[in-house]
Amino acid sequence: MKSLSVGFLVLLIFILSVQLGVAIRGSDVAKFCCFQYSYKVLPWKWVHSYKFTRNSCSRPAVIFTTKKGHKVCAHPKEKWVQRYISLLRAQEQR
């Protein structure tokens, strides 16, 4: 009987740890998704880097990080966004 209780407890802890891991990973996805775009052109002198949102996000976006660390979501098909990505890629290759 005692081994059954220990086995049940181990199983319960395992299930809870798996669920917690899924919840934590799920919350990371929200950190990297954009739910609206900034349509104002970000001044080039403010831009430090960029990254694309994950495929699991509801809408595609480019996240620019400014030199002060702010994150700005932009539509990837906007001309200025494509130009900034090209400029940043060219800087990376130097």
PDB file of N, CA and C in Angstrom:
ATOM      1  N   MET A   1       0.819  -1.195   0.000  1.00  0.00           N
ATOM      2  CA  MET A   1       0.000   0.000   0.000  1.00  0.00           C
ATOM      3  C   MET A   1       0.864   1.261   0.000  1.00  0.00           C
ATOM      4  N   LYS A   2       1.963   1.210   0.788  1.00  0.00           N
ATOM      5  CA  LYS A   2       2.839   2.364   0.876  1.00  0.00           C
ATOM      6  C   LYS A   2       3.507   2.640  -0.472  1.00  0.00           C
ATOM      7  N   SER A   3       3.923   1.578  -1.175  1.00  0.00           N
ATOM      8  CA  SER A   3       4.568   1.766  -2.477  1.00  0.00           C
ATOM      9  C   SER A   3       3.579   2.318  -3.499  1.00  0.00           C
ATOM     10  N   LEU A   4       2.312   1.981  -3.375  1.00  0.00           N
ATOM     11  CA  LEU A   4       1.283   2.513  -4.260  1.00  0.00           C
ATOM     12  C   LEU A   4       1.122   4.019  -4.043  1.00  0.00           C
ATOM     13  N   SER A   5       1.156   4.454  -2.790  1.00  0.00           N
ATOM     14  CA  SER A   5       1.052   5.883  -2.476  1.00  0.00           C
ATOM     15  C   SER A   5       2.258   6.644  -3.007  1.00  0.00           C
ATOM     16  N   VAL A   6       3.447   6.083  -2.840  1.00  0.00           N
ATOM     17  CA  VAL A   6       4.669   6.728  -3.333  1.00  0.00           C
ATOM     18  C   VAL A   6       4.629   6.801  -4.859  1.00  0.00           C
ATOM     19  N   GLY A   7       4.207   5.726  -5.499  1.00  0.00           N
ATOM     20  CA  GLY A   7       4.097   5.706  -6.962  1.00  0.00           C
ATOM     21  C   GLY A   7       3.113   6.748  -7.464  1.00  0.00           C
ATOM     22  N   PHE A   8       1.980   6.857  -6.794  1.00  0.00           N
ATOM     23  CA  PHE A   8       0.980   7.855  -7.166  1.00  0.00           C
ATOM     24  C   PHE A   8       1.535   9.266  -6.999  1.00  0.00           C
ATOM     25  N   LEU A   9       2.257   9.507  -5.908  1.00  0.00           N
ATOM     26  CA  LEU A   9       2.850  10.817  -5.651  1.00  0.00           C
ATOM     27  C   LEU A   9       3.881  11.165  -6.724  1.00  0.00           C
ATOM     28  N   VAL A  10       4.718  10.210  -7.093  1.00  0.00           N
ATOM     29  CA  VAL A  10       5.722  10.440  -8.143  1.00  0.00           C
ATOM     30  C   VAL A  10       5.029  10.764  -9.465  1.00  0.00           C
ATOM     31  N   LEU A  11       3.984  10.026  -9.796  1.00  0.00           N
ATOM     32  CA  LEU A  11       3.234  10.275 -11.025  1.00  0.00           C
ATOM     33  C   LEU A  11       2.597  11.666 -11.007  1.00  0.00           C
ATOM     34  N   LEU A  12       2.031  12.049  -9.892  1.00  0.00           N
ATOM     35  CA  LEU A  12       1.405  13.362  -9.755  1.00  0.00           C
ATOM     36  C   LEU A  12       2.433  14.479  -9.931  1.00  0.00           C
ATOM     37  N   ILE A  13       3.591  14.334  -9.312  1.00  0.00           N
ATOM     38  CA  ILE A  13       4.654  15.342  -9.445  1.00  0.00           C
ATOM     39  C   ILE A  13       5.109  15.436 -10.895  1.00  0.00           C
ATOM     40  N   PHE A  14       5.250  14.299 -11.556  1.00  0.00           N
ATOM     41  CA  PHE A  14       5.662  14.297 -12.959  1.00  0.00           C
ATOM     42  C   PHE A  14       4.648  15.039 -13.830  1.00  0.00           C
ATOM     43  N   ILE A  15       3.374  14.737 -13.648  1.00  0.00           N
ATOM     44  CA  ILE A  15       2.326  15.389 -14.446  1.00  0.00           C
ATOM     45  C   ILE A  15       2.318  16.893 -14.203  1.00  0.00           C
ATOM     46  N   LEU A  16       2.438  17.306 -12.962  1.00  0.00           N
ATOM     47  CA  LEU A  16       2.460  18.739 -12.650  1.00  0.00           C
ATOM     48  C   LEU A  16       3.673  19.429 -13.254  1.00  0.00           C
ATOM     49  N   SER A  17       4.831  18.785 -13.223  1.00  0.00           N
ATOM     50  CA  SER A  17       6.035  19.409 -13.779  1.00  0.00           C
ATOM     51  C   SER A  17       5.930  19.545 -15.292  1.00  0.00           C
ATOM     52  N   VAL A  18       5.342  18.565 -15.962  1.00  0.00           N
ATOM     53  CA  VAL A  18       5.146  18.658 -17.413  1.00  0.00           C
ATOM     54  C   VAL A  18       4.189  19.800 -17.732  1.00  0.00           C
ATOM     55  N   GLN A  19       3.095  19.900 -17.000  1.00  0.00           N
ATOM     56  CA  GLN A  19       2.129  20.968 -17.237  1.00  0.00           C
ATOM     57  C   GLN A  19       2.736  22.340 -16.980  1.00  0.00           C
ATOM     58  N   LEU A  20       3.546  22.450 -15.955  1.00  0.00           N
ATOM     59  CA  LEU A  20       4.206  23.718 -15.652  1.00  0.00           C
ATOM     60  C   LEU A  20       5.166  24.092 -16.773  1.00  0.00           C
ATOM     61  N   GLY A  21       5.898  23.119 -17.292  1.00  0.00           N
ATOM     62  CA  GLY A  21       6.817  23.378 -18.400  1.00  0.00           C
ATOM     63  C   GLY A  21       6.096  23.874 -19.635  1.00  0.00           C
ATOM     64  N   VAL A  22       4.953  23.288 -19.947  1.00  0.00           N
ATOM     65  CA  VAL A  22       4.155  23.727 -21.089  1.00  0.00           C
ATOM     66  C   VAL A  22       3.644  25.139 -20.857  1.00  0.00           C
ATOM     67  N   ALA A  23       3.190  25.435 -19.661  1.00  0.00           N
ATOM     68  CA  ALA A  23       2.679  26.774 -19.352  1.00  0.00           C
ATOM     69  C   ALA A  23       3.779  27.816 -19.470  1.00  0.00           C
ATOM     70  N   ILE A  24       4.976  27.485 -19.016  1.00  0.00           N
ATOM     71  CA  ILE A  24       6.083  28.441 -19.098  1.00  0.00           C
ATOM     72  C   ILE A  24       6.462  28.677 -20.549  1.00  0.00           C
ATOM     73  N   ARG A  25       6.588  27.615 -21.339  1.00  0.00           N
ATOM     74  CA  ARG A  25       6.924  27.774 -22.750  1.00  0.00           C
ATOM     75  C   ARG A  25       5.830  28.539 -23.474  1.00  0.00           C
ATOM     76  N   GLY A  26       4.594  28.299 -23.120  1.00  0.00           N
ATOM     77  CA  GLY A  26       3.486  29.010 -23.741  1.00  0.00           C
ATOM     78  C   GLY A  26       3.534  30.499 -23.458  1.00  0.00           C
ATOM     79  N   SER A  27       3.984  30.874 -22.276  1.00  0.00           N
ATOM     80  CA  SER A  27       4.066  32.293 -21.954  1.00  0.00           C
ATOM     81  C   SER A  27       5.206  32.963 -22.706  1.00  0.00           C
ATOM     82  N   ASP A  28       6.263  32.217 -23.063  1.00  0.00           N
ATOM     83  CA  ASP A  28       7.352  32.788 -23.854  1.00  0.00           C
ATOM     84  C   ASP A  28       6.877  33.172 -25.243  1.00  0.00           C
ATOM     85  N   VAL A  29       5.981  32.394 -25.810  1.00  0.00           N
ATOM     86  CA  VAL A  29       5.486  32.688 -27.145  1.00  0.00           C
ATOM     87  C   VAL A  29       4.832  34.058 -27.164  1.00  0.00           C
ATOM     88  N   ALA A  30       4.047  34.372 -26.143  1.00  0.00           N
ATOM     89  CA  ALA A  30       3.369  35.665 -26.097  1.00  0.00           C
ATOM     90  C   ALA A  30       4.364  36.816 -26.054  1.00  0.00           C
ATOM     91  N   LYS A  31       5.517  36.621 -25.457  1.00  0.00           N
ATOM     92  CA  LYS A  31       6.518  37.683 -25.386  1.00  0.00           C
ATOM     93  C   LYS A  31       7.050  38.056 -26.758  1.00  0.00           C
ATOM     94  N   PHE A  32       7.016  37.127 -27.696  1.00  0.00           N
ATOM     95  CA  PHE A  32       7.614  37.360 -28.998  1.00  0.00           C
ATOM     96  C   PHE A  32       6.592  37.481 -30.116  1.00  0.00           C
ATOM     97  N   CYS A  33       5.345  37.700 -29.799  1.00  0.00           N
ATOM     98  CA  CYS A  33       4.301  37.893 -30.806  1.00  0.00           C
ATOM     99  C   CYS A  33       3.837  39.345 -30.786  1.00  0.00           C
ATOM    100  N   CYS A  34       3.436  39.822 -31.947  1.00  0.00           N
ATOM    101  CA  CYS A  34       2.901  41.181 -32.057  1.00  0.00           C
ATOM    102  C   CYS A  34       1.411  41.089 -32.342  1.00  0.00           C
ATOM    103  N   PHE A  35       0.640  41.881 -31.658  1.00  0.00           N
ATOM    104  CA  PHE A  35      -0.801  41.868 -31.855  1.00  0.00           C
ATOM    105  C   PHE A  35      -1.292  43.103 -32.591  1.00  0.00           C
ATOM    106  N   GLN A  36      -0.407  44.077 -32.756  1.00  0.00           N
ATOM    107  CA  GLN A  36      -0.696  45.235 -33.598  1.00  0.00           C
ATOM    108  C   GLN A  36       0.625  45.780 -34.108  1.00  0.00           C
ATOM    109  N   TYR A  37       0.560  46.484 -35.229  1.00  0.00           N
ATOM    110  CA  TYR A  37       1.758  47.031 -35.852  1.00  0.00           C
ATOM    111  C   TYR A  37       1.867  48.523 -35.585  1.00  0.00           C
ATOM    112  N   SER A  38       3.093  48.996 -35.564  1.00  0.00           N
ATOM    113  CA  SER A  38       3.337  50.432 -35.554  1.00  0.00           C
ATOM    114  C   SER A  38       3.484  50.851 -37.009  1.00  0.00           C
ATOM    115  N   TYR A  39       2.649  51.746 -37.458  1.00  0.00           N
ATOM    116  CA  TYR A  39       2.742  52.179 -38.850  1.00  0.00           C
ATOM    117  C   TYR A  39       3.564  53.452 -38.993  1.00  0.00           C
ATOM    118  N   LYS A  40       4.007  54.022 -37.886  1.00  0.00           N
ATOM    119  CA  LYS A  40       4.917  55.165 -37.958  1.00  0.00           C
ATOM    120  C   LYS A  40       6.302  54.650 -38.314  1.00  0.00           C
ATOM    121  N   VAL A  41       6.967  55.357 -39.197  1.00  0.00           N
ATOM    122  CA  VAL A  41       8.322  54.963 -39.567  1.00  0.00           C
ATOM    123  C   VAL A  41       9.242  55.260 -38.394  1.00  0.00           C
ATOM    124  N   LEU A  42       9.938  54.248 -37.972  1.00  0.00           N
ATOM    125  CA  LEU A  42      10.891  54.369 -36.874  1.00  0.00           C
ATOM    126  C   LEU A  42      12.136  55.084 -37.397  1.00  0.00           C
ATOM    127  N   PRO A  43      12.616  56.115 -36.731  1.00  0.00           N
ATOM    128  CA  PRO A  43      13.835  56.772 -37.208  1.00  0.00           C
ATOM    129  C   PRO A  43      15.007  55.783 -37.259  1.00  0.00           C
ATOM    130  N   TRP A  44      15.694  55.753 -38.386  1.00  0.00           N
ATOM    131  CA  TRP A  44      16.790  54.805 -38.588  1.00  0.00           C
ATOM    132  C   TRP A  44      17.842  54.913 -37.489  1.00  0.00           C
ATOM    133  N   LYS A  45      18.126  56.118 -37.034  1.00  0.00           N
ATOM    134  CA  LYS A  45      19.187  56.298 -36.028  1.00  0.00           C
ATOM    135  C   LYS A  45      18.834  55.652 -34.686  1.00  0.00           C
ATOM    136  N   TRP A  46      17.575  55.298 -34.487  1.00  0.00           N
ATOM    137  CA  TRP A  46      17.158  54.642 -33.244  1.00  0.00           C
ATOM    138  C   TRP A  46      17.304  53.126 -33.301  1.00  0.00           C
ATOM    139  N   VAL A  47      17.386  52.565 -34.508  1.00  0.00           N
ATOM    140  CA  VAL A  47      17.312  51.111 -34.690  1.00  0.00           C
ATOM    141  C   VAL A  47      18.636  50.437 -34.354  1.00  0.00           C
ATOM    142  N   HIS A  48      18.537  49.391 -33.547  1.00  0.00           N
ATOM    143  CA  HIS A  48      19.724  48.608 -33.169  1.00  0.00           C
ATOM    144  C   HIS A  48      19.720  47.230 -33.825  1.00  0.00           C
ATOM    145  N   SER A  49      18.580  46.533 -33.796  1.00  0.00           N
ATOM    146  CA  SER A  49      18.507  45.180 -34.349  1.00  0.00           C
ATOM    147  C   SER A  49      17.058  44.845 -34.689  1.00  0.00           C
ATOM    148  N   TYR A  50      16.873  43.655 -35.236  1.00  0.00           N
ATOM    149  CA  TYR A  50      15.526  43.195 -35.581  1.00  0.00           C
ATOM    150  C   TYR A  50      15.458  41.682 -35.444  1.00  0.00           C
ATOM    151  N   LYS A  51      14.247  41.175 -35.393  1.00  0.00           N
ATOM    152  CA  LYS A  51      14.000  39.733 -35.485  1.00  0.00           C
ATOM    153  C   LYS A  51      12.573  39.539 -35.981  1.00  0.00           C
ATOM    154  N   PHE A  52      12.333  38.382 -36.561  1.00  0.00           N
ATOM    155  CA  PHE A  52      10.997  38.036 -37.020  1.00  0.00           C
ATOM    156  C   PHE A  52      10.268  37.304 -35.903  1.00  0.00           C
ATOM    157  N   THR A  53       8.956  37.468 -35.859  1.00  0.00           N
ATOM    158  CA  THR A  53       8.172  36.707 -34.888  1.00  0.00           C
ATOM    159  C   THR A  53       8.121  35.249 -35.328  1.00  0.00           C
ATOM    160  N   ARG A  54       7.780  34.389 -34.411  1.00  0.00           N
ATOM    161  CA  ARG A  54       7.697  32.953 -34.686  1.00  0.00           C
ATOM    162  C   ARG A  54       6.472  32.633 -35.538  1.00  0.00           C
ATOM    163  N   ASN A  55       6.535  31.491 -36.202  1.00  0.00           N
ATOM    164  CA  ASN A  55       5.397  31.035 -37.012  1.00  0.00           C
ATOM    165  C   ASN A  55       4.165  30.749 -36.161  1.00  0.00           C
ATOM    166  N   SER A  56       4.363  30.493 -34.886  1.00  0.00           N
ATOM    167  CA  SER A  56       3.234  30.193 -34.006  1.00  0.00           C
ATOM    168  C   SER A  56       2.432  31.442 -33.632  1.00  0.00           C
ATOM    169  N   CYS A  57       2.935  32.610 -33.962  1.00  0.00           N
ATOM    170  CA  CYS A  57       2.213  33.856 -33.676  1.00  0.00           C
ATOM    171  C   CYS A  57       1.058  34.023 -34.659  1.00  0.00           C
ATOM    172  N   SER A  58       0.024  34.728 -34.236  1.00  0.00           N
ATOM    173  CA  SER A  58      -1.175  34.879 -35.062  1.00  0.00           C
ATOM    174  C   SER A  58      -0.961  35.773 -36.275  1.00  0.00           C
ATOM    175  N   ARG A  59       0.003  36.684 -36.216  1.00  0.00           N
ATOM    176  CA  ARG A  59       0.290  37.536 -37.370  1.00  0.00           C
ATOM    177  C   ARG A  59       1.799  37.695 -37.522  1.00  0.00           C
ATOM    178  N   PRO A  60       2.274  37.685 -38.755  1.00  0.00           N
ATOM    179  CA  PRO A  60       3.710  37.861 -38.972  1.00  0.00           C
ATOM    180  C   PRO A  60       4.112  39.295 -38.651  1.00  0.00           C
ATOM    181  N   ALA A  61       5.299  39.461 -38.127  1.00  0.00           N
ATOM    182  CA  ALA A  61       5.783  40.802 -37.800  1.00  0.00           C
ATOM    183  C   ALA A  61       7.298  40.800 -37.698  1.00  0.00           C
ATOM    184  N   VAL A  62       7.838  41.999 -37.791  1.00  0.00           N
ATOM    185  CA  VAL A  62       9.252  42.228 -37.528  1.00  0.00           C
ATOM    186  C   VAL A  62       9.308  43.030 -36.243  1.00  0.00           C
ATOM    187  N   ILE A  63      10.139  42.591 -35.316  1.00  0.00           N
ATOM    188  CA  ILE A  63      10.303  43.315 -34.057  1.00  0.00           C
ATOM    189  C   ILE A  63      11.648  44.023 -34.106  1.00  0.00           C
ATOM    190  N   PHE A  64      11.601  45.341 -34.163  1.00  0.00           N
ATOM    191  CA  PHE A  64      12.825  46.134 -34.110  1.00  0.00           C
ATOM    192  C   PHE A  64      13.131  46.444 -32.653  1.00  0.00           C
ATOM    193  N   THR A  65      14.393  46.364 -32.299  1.00  0.00           N
ATOM    194  CA  THR A  65      14.849  46.773 -30.975  1.00  0.00           C
ATOM    195  C   THR A  65      15.605  48.078 -31.155  1.00  0.00           C
ATOM    196  N   THR A  66      15.211  49.084 -30.387  1.00  0.00           N
ATOM    197  CA  THR A  66      15.885  50.375 -30.493  1.00  0.00           C
ATOM    198  C   THR A  66      17.165  50.367 -29.663  1.00  0.00           C
ATOM    199  N   LYS A  67      17.966  51.382 -29.839  1.00  0.00           N
ATOM    200  CA  LYS A  67      19.215  51.491 -29.082  1.00  0.00           C
ATOM    201  C   LYS A  67      18.958  51.643 -27.587  1.00  0.00           C
ATOM    202  N   LYS A  68      17.759  52.089 -27.219  1.00  0.00           N
ATOM    203  CA  LYS A  68      17.391  52.193 -25.802  1.00  0.00           C
ATOM    204  C   LYS A  68      16.724  50.918 -25.282  1.00  0.00           C
ATOM    205  N   GLY A  69      16.593  49.900 -26.146  1.00  0.00           N
ATOM    206  CA  GLY A  69      16.032  48.626 -25.719  1.00  0.00           C
ATOM    207  C   GLY A  69      14.532  48.474 -25.898  1.00  0.00           C
ATOM    208  N   HIS A  70      13.876  49.453 -26.487  1.00  0.00           N
ATOM    209  CA  HIS A  70      12.433  49.358 -26.725  1.00  0.00           C
ATOM    210  C   HIS A  70      12.163  48.431 -27.904  1.00  0.00           C
ATOM    211  N   LYS A  71      11.036  47.731 -27.860  1.00  0.00           N
ATOM    212  CA  LYS A  71      10.623  46.830 -28.936  1.00  0.00           C
ATOM    213  C   LYS A  71       9.496  47.487 -29.722  1.00  0.00           C
ATOM    214  N   VAL A  72       9.610  47.443 -31.051  1.00  0.00           N
ATOM    215  CA  VAL A  72       8.600  48.033 -31.923  1.00  0.00           C
ATOM    216  C   VAL A  72       8.200  46.997 -32.963  1.00  0.00           C
ATOM    217  N   CYS A  73       6.911  46.708 -33.042  1.00  0.00           N
ATOM    218  CA  CYS A  73       6.396  45.743 -34.011  1.00  0.00           C
ATOM    219  C   CYS A  73       6.040  46.458 -35.309  1.00  0.00           C
ATOM    220  N   ALA A  74       6.456  45.860 -36.429  1.00  0.00           N
ATOM    221  CA  ALA A  74       6.181  46.464 -37.728  1.00  0.00           C
ATOM    222  C   ALA A  74       5.731  45.387 -38.711  1.00  0.00           C
ATOM    223  N   HIS A  75       4.960  45.816 -39.700  1.00  0.00           N
ATOM    224  CA  HIS A  75       4.481  44.885 -40.726  1.00  0.00           C
ATOM    225  C   HIS A  75       5.641  44.554 -41.659  1.00  0.00           C
ATOM    226  N   PRO A  76       5.899  43.273 -41.878  1.00  0.00           N
ATOM    227  CA  PRO A  76       7.062  42.884 -42.678  1.00  0.00           C
ATOM    228  C   PRO A  76       6.995  43.296 -44.147  1.00  0.00           C
ATOM    229  N   LYS A  77       5.833  43.658 -44.655  1.00  0.00           N
ATOM    230  CA  LYS A  77       5.724  44.046 -46.065  1.00  0.00           C
ATOM    231  C   LYS A  77       5.843  45.549 -46.292  1.00  0.00           C
ATOM    232  N   GLU A  78       5.923  46.315 -45.222  1.00  0.00           N
ATOM    233  CA  GLU A  78       6.106  47.762 -45.367  1.00  0.00           C
ATOM    234  C   GLU A  78       7.475  48.035 -45.997  1.00  0.00           C
ATOM    235  N   LYS A  79       7.531  49.008 -46.901  1.00  0.00           N
ATOM    236  CA  LYS A  79       8.787  49.325 -47.608  1.00  0.00           C
ATOM    237  C   LYS A  79       9.902  49.711 -46.643  1.00  0.00           C
ATOM    238  N   TRP A  80       9.568  50.556 -45.661  1.00  0.00           N
ATOM    239  CA  TRP A  80      10.617  51.008 -44.745  1.00  0.00           C
ATOM    240  C   TRP A  80      11.149  49.859 -43.907  1.00  0.00           C
ATOM    241  N   VAL A  81      10.298  48.899 -43.580  1.00  0.00           N
ATOM    242  CA  VAL A  81      10.713  47.730 -42.797  1.00  0.00           C
ATOM    243  C   VAL A  81      11.684  46.889 -43.616  1.00  0.00           C
ATOM    244  N   GLN A  82      11.350  46.645 -44.880  1.00  0.00           N
ATOM    245  CA  GLN A  82      12.227  45.868 -45.749  1.00  0.00           C
ATOM    246  C   GLN A  82      13.570  46.567 -45.956  1.00  0.00           C
ATOM    247  N   ARG A  83      13.530  47.884 -46.086  1.00  0.00           N
ATOM    248  CA  ARG A  83      14.777  48.646 -46.265  1.00  0.00           C
ATOM    249  C   ARG A  83      15.646  48.547 -45.013  1.00  0.00           C
ATOM    250  N   TYR A  84      15.049  48.686 -43.837  1.00  0.00           N
ATOM    251  CA  TYR A  84      15.813  48.598 -42.588  1.00  0.00           C
ATOM    252  C   TYR A  84      16.418  47.206 -42.405  1.00  0.00           C
ATOM    253  N   ILE A  85      15.662  46.177 -42.770  1.00  0.00           N
ATOM    254  CA  ILE A  85      16.193  44.812 -42.670  1.00  0.00           C
ATOM    255  C   ILE A  85      17.406  44.661 -43.582  1.00  0.00           C
ATOM    256  N   SER A  86      17.310  45.184 -44.800  1.00  0.00           N
ATOM    257  CA  SER A  86      18.449  45.118 -45.729  1.00  0.00           C
ATOM    258  C   SER A  86      19.661  45.850 -45.169  1.00  0.00           C
ATOM    259  N   LEU A  87      19.442  47.017 -44.608  1.00  0.00           N
ATOM    260  CA  LEU A  87      20.548  47.791 -44.028  1.00  0.00           C
ATOM    261  C   LEU A  87      21.177  47.059 -42.842  1.00  0.00           C
ATOM    262  N   LEU A  88      20.352  46.487 -41.987  1.00  0.00           N
ATOM    263  CA  LEU A  88      20.873  45.762 -40.823  1.00  0.00           C
ATOM    264  C   LEU A  88      21.623  44.498 -41.241  1.00  0.00           C
ATOM    265  N   ARG A  89      21.129  43.808 -42.260  1.00  0.00           N
ATOM    266  CA  ARG A  89      21.841  42.624 -42.763  1.00  0.00           C
ATOM    267  C   ARG A  89      23.197  43.012 -43.335  1.00  0.00           C
ATOM    268  N   ALA A  90      23.242  44.129 -44.040  1.00  0.00           N
ATOM    269  CA  ALA A  90      24.515  44.603 -44.600  1.00  0.00           C
ATOM    270  C   ALA A  90      25.501  44.933 -43.481  1.00  0.00           C
ATOM    271  N   GLN A  91      25.006  45.509 -42.395  1.00  0.00           N
ATOM    272  CA  GLN A  91      25.874  45.817 -41.246  1.00  0.00           C
ATOM    273  C   GLN A  91      26.411  44.545 -40.606  1.00  0.00           C
ATOM    274  N   GLU A  92      25.586  43.500 -40.553  1.00  0.00           N
ATOM    275  CA  GLU A  92      26.005  42.231 -39.945  1.00  0.00           C
ATOM    276  C   GLU A  92      27.130  41.578 -40.739  1.00  0.00           C
ATOM    277  N   GLN A  93      27.153  41.783 -42.050  1.00  0.00           N
ATOM    278  CA  GLN A  93      28.144  41.131 -42.901  1.00  0.00           C
ATOM    279  C   GLN A  93      29.502  41.818 -42.857  1.00  0.00           C
ATOM    280  N   ARG A  94      29.587  42.982 -42.284  1.00  0.00           N
ATOM    281  CA  ARG A  94      30.882  43.692 -42.198  1.00  0.00           C
ATOM    282  C   ARG A  94      31.780  43.077 -41.183  1.00  0.00           C
TER     283      ARG A  94
END
